[in-house]
Amino acid sequence: MPDDIDVKIESLGGWRGERLSRIRRLIREAVPSVVEEMKWRKPTNPLGVPTWSHDGIICTGESYKDKIKLTFPKGSRLADPKGLFNASMNGVRRAIDIREEDKPDETALQDLFREAARLNTSDKQR
């Protein structure tokens, strides 16, 4: 039986569905104990936003007409040696906008997912 994230991915179709599905697999590989859920359901987005957590949110996977946006709530505290962060760079959050033609470094993405999970665990233990 499909879960809520499967339903969201299927609703997107095309390259956005394929890309979000691939990102989901990368997150699951990088953080096997990840918790997946849909958050922030509202009338304009009844399916909600895919969210991956481990002792706190690792990232969210929002979809727009022209991109998938991975938002890391503690992004400003994550090392980004490959320069993946390219959007929503405020004081704390940082995001990665992925457009159809983009081919992000999957190893670097997985490093970010792992580092975000480690940061959440370390913050929780304080």
Protein backbone atom coordinates (compact mmCIF):
# COMPACT_ATOMS: atom_id res chain seq x y z
CA MET A 1 0.00 0.00 0.00
CA PRO A 2 1.48 3.39 -0.96
CA ASP A 3 2.33 5.80 1.83
CA ASP A 4 1.70 9.55 1.79
CA ILE A 5 5.07 10.36 0.22
CA ASP A 6 4.45 7.81 -2.54
CA VAL A 7 1.11 9.53 -3.22
CA LYS A 8 2.83 12.94 -3.37
CA ILE A 9 5.54 11.67 -5.74
CA GLU A 10 2.94 10.05 -7.99
CA SER A 11 0.88 13.24 -8.02
CA LEU A 12 3.88 15.19 -9.30
CA GLY A 13 4.68 12.86 -12.18
CA GLY A 14 7.34 13.69 -14.74
CA TRP A 15 10.81 14.83 -13.82
CA ARG A 16 9.74 16.31 -10.46
CA GLY A 17 8.28 13.00 -9.30
CA GLU A 18 11.33 11.09 -10.54
CA ARG A 19 13.73 13.55 -8.88
CA LEU A 20 11.90 13.55 -5.54
CA SER A 21 11.79 9.76 -5.61
CA ARG A 22 15.55 9.65 -6.23
CA ILE A 23 16.20 12.12 -3.42
CA ARG A 24 14.06 10.00 -1.12
CA ARG A 25 16.18 6.94 -1.92
CA LEU A 26 19.38 8.91 -1.29
CA ILE A 27 18.10 10.08 2.10
CA ARG A 28 17.06 6.54 3.09
CA GLU A 29 20.48 5.19 2.11
CA ALA A 30 22.33 7.96 3.95
CA VAL A 31 20.22 7.82 7.12
CA PRO A 32 18.64 4.34 7.35
CA SER A 33 16.75 5.26 10.56
CA VAL A 34 15.12 8.32 8.95
CA VAL A 35 11.48 9.06 9.78
CA GLU A 36 9.36 10.09 6.82
CA GLU A 37 6.13 12.03 7.09
CA MET A 38 4.00 14.63 5.38
CA LYS A 39 3.67 17.98 7.17
CA TRP A 40 1.96 21.29 6.63
CA ARG A 41 -1.17 20.11 4.82
CA LYS A 42 -3.41 23.00 3.81
CA PRO A 43 -6.11 23.71 1.23
CA THR A 44 -3.57 24.93 -1.33
CA ASN A 45 -1.36 21.86 -0.72
CA PRO A 46 -3.64 19.10 0.60
CA LEU A 47 -0.98 16.38 0.27
CA GLY A 48 1.51 18.39 2.34
CA VAL A 49 5.30 18.56 2.24
CA PRO A 50 7.53 15.47 2.41
CA THR A 51 9.67 15.75 5.53
CA TRP A 52 12.59 13.60 6.64
CA SER A 53 13.64 13.58 10.29
CA HIS A 54 16.13 12.04 12.66
CA ASP A 55 16.01 13.60 16.14
CA GLY A 56 14.61 16.66 14.34
CA ILE A 57 14.03 17.64 10.73
CA ILE A 58 16.85 16.82 8.32
CA CYS A 59 15.15 18.45 5.34
CA THR A 60 11.89 18.97 3.52
CA GLY A 61 11.21 18.33 -0.16
CA GLU A 62 8.87 20.94 -1.58
CA SER A 63 7.81 20.89 -5.20
CA TYR A 64 7.20 23.87 -7.45
CA LYS A 65 6.37 24.11 -11.14
CA ASP A 66 10.02 24.56 -12.10
CA LYS A 67 11.98 22.95 -9.24
CA ILE A 68 12.27 20.72 -6.22
CA LYS A 69 13.45 22.60 -3.13
CA LEU A 70 15.28 20.79 -0.35
CA THR A 71 15.20 22.97 2.75
CA PHE A 72 17.49 22.25 5.68
CA PRO A 73 16.25 24.00 8.86
CA LYS A 74 19.76 24.06 10.34
CA GLY A 75 21.49 24.56 6.98
CA SER A 76 23.67 27.43 8.16
CA ARG A 77 25.37 25.00 10.54
CA LEU A 78 26.15 22.41 7.84
CA ALA A 79 29.40 22.29 5.93
CA ASP A 80 28.84 22.57 2.18
CA PRO A 81 32.21 21.96 0.52
CA LYS A 82 30.60 21.20 -2.87
CA GLY A 83 28.50 24.39 -2.84
CA LEU A 84 25.11 22.68 -3.14
CA PHE A 85 23.18 25.32 -1.20
CA ASN A 86 21.83 27.87 -3.67
CA ALA A 87 18.59 29.23 -2.20
CA SER A 88 16.79 30.50 0.90
CA MET A 89 19.98 31.43 2.63
CA ASN A 90 18.70 33.36 5.62
CA GLY A 91 20.21 33.36 9.10
CA VAL A 92 19.52 29.69 9.86
CA ARG A 93 17.87 27.80 6.98
CA ARG A 94 19.50 27.03 3.68
CA ALA A 95 18.04 25.28 0.68
CA ILE A 96 18.94 23.59 -2.58
CA ASP A 97 16.81 24.36 -5.63
CA ILE A 98 17.00 21.51 -8.12
CA ARG A 99 15.69 22.19 -11.61
CA GLU A 100 15.02 19.65 -14.34
CA GLU A 101 18.41 20.12 -16.03
CA ASP A 102 20.40 20.04 -12.76
CA LYS A 103 22.47 17.02 -11.82
CA PRO A 104 23.40 17.52 -8.16
CA ASP A 105 26.33 15.62 -6.69
CA GLU A 106 24.56 12.70 -5.02
CA THR A 107 27.48 11.85 -2.76
CA ALA A 108 27.61 15.45 -1.52
CA LEU A 109 23.83 15.39 -0.97
CA GLN A 110 24.13 12.25 1.12
CA ASP A 111 26.91 13.87 3.14
CA LEU A 112 24.55 16.78 3.90
CA PHE A 113 21.75 14.39 4.93
CA ARG A 114 24.11 12.51 7.27
CA GLU A 115 25.56 15.69 8.73
CA ALA A 116 22.07 17.14 9.36
CA ALA A 117 21.06 13.94 11.18
CA ARG A 118 24.27 14.01 13.28
CA LEU A 119 23.70 17.66 14.14
CA ASN A 120 20.12 16.95 15.26
CA THR A 121 21.32 14.07 17.47
CA SER A 122 24.11 16.15 18.95
CA ASP A 123 21.74 19.07 19.66
CA LYS A 124 19.27 16.70 21.32
CA GLN A 125 21.95 15.28 23.62
CA ARG A 126 22.86 18.70 25.01
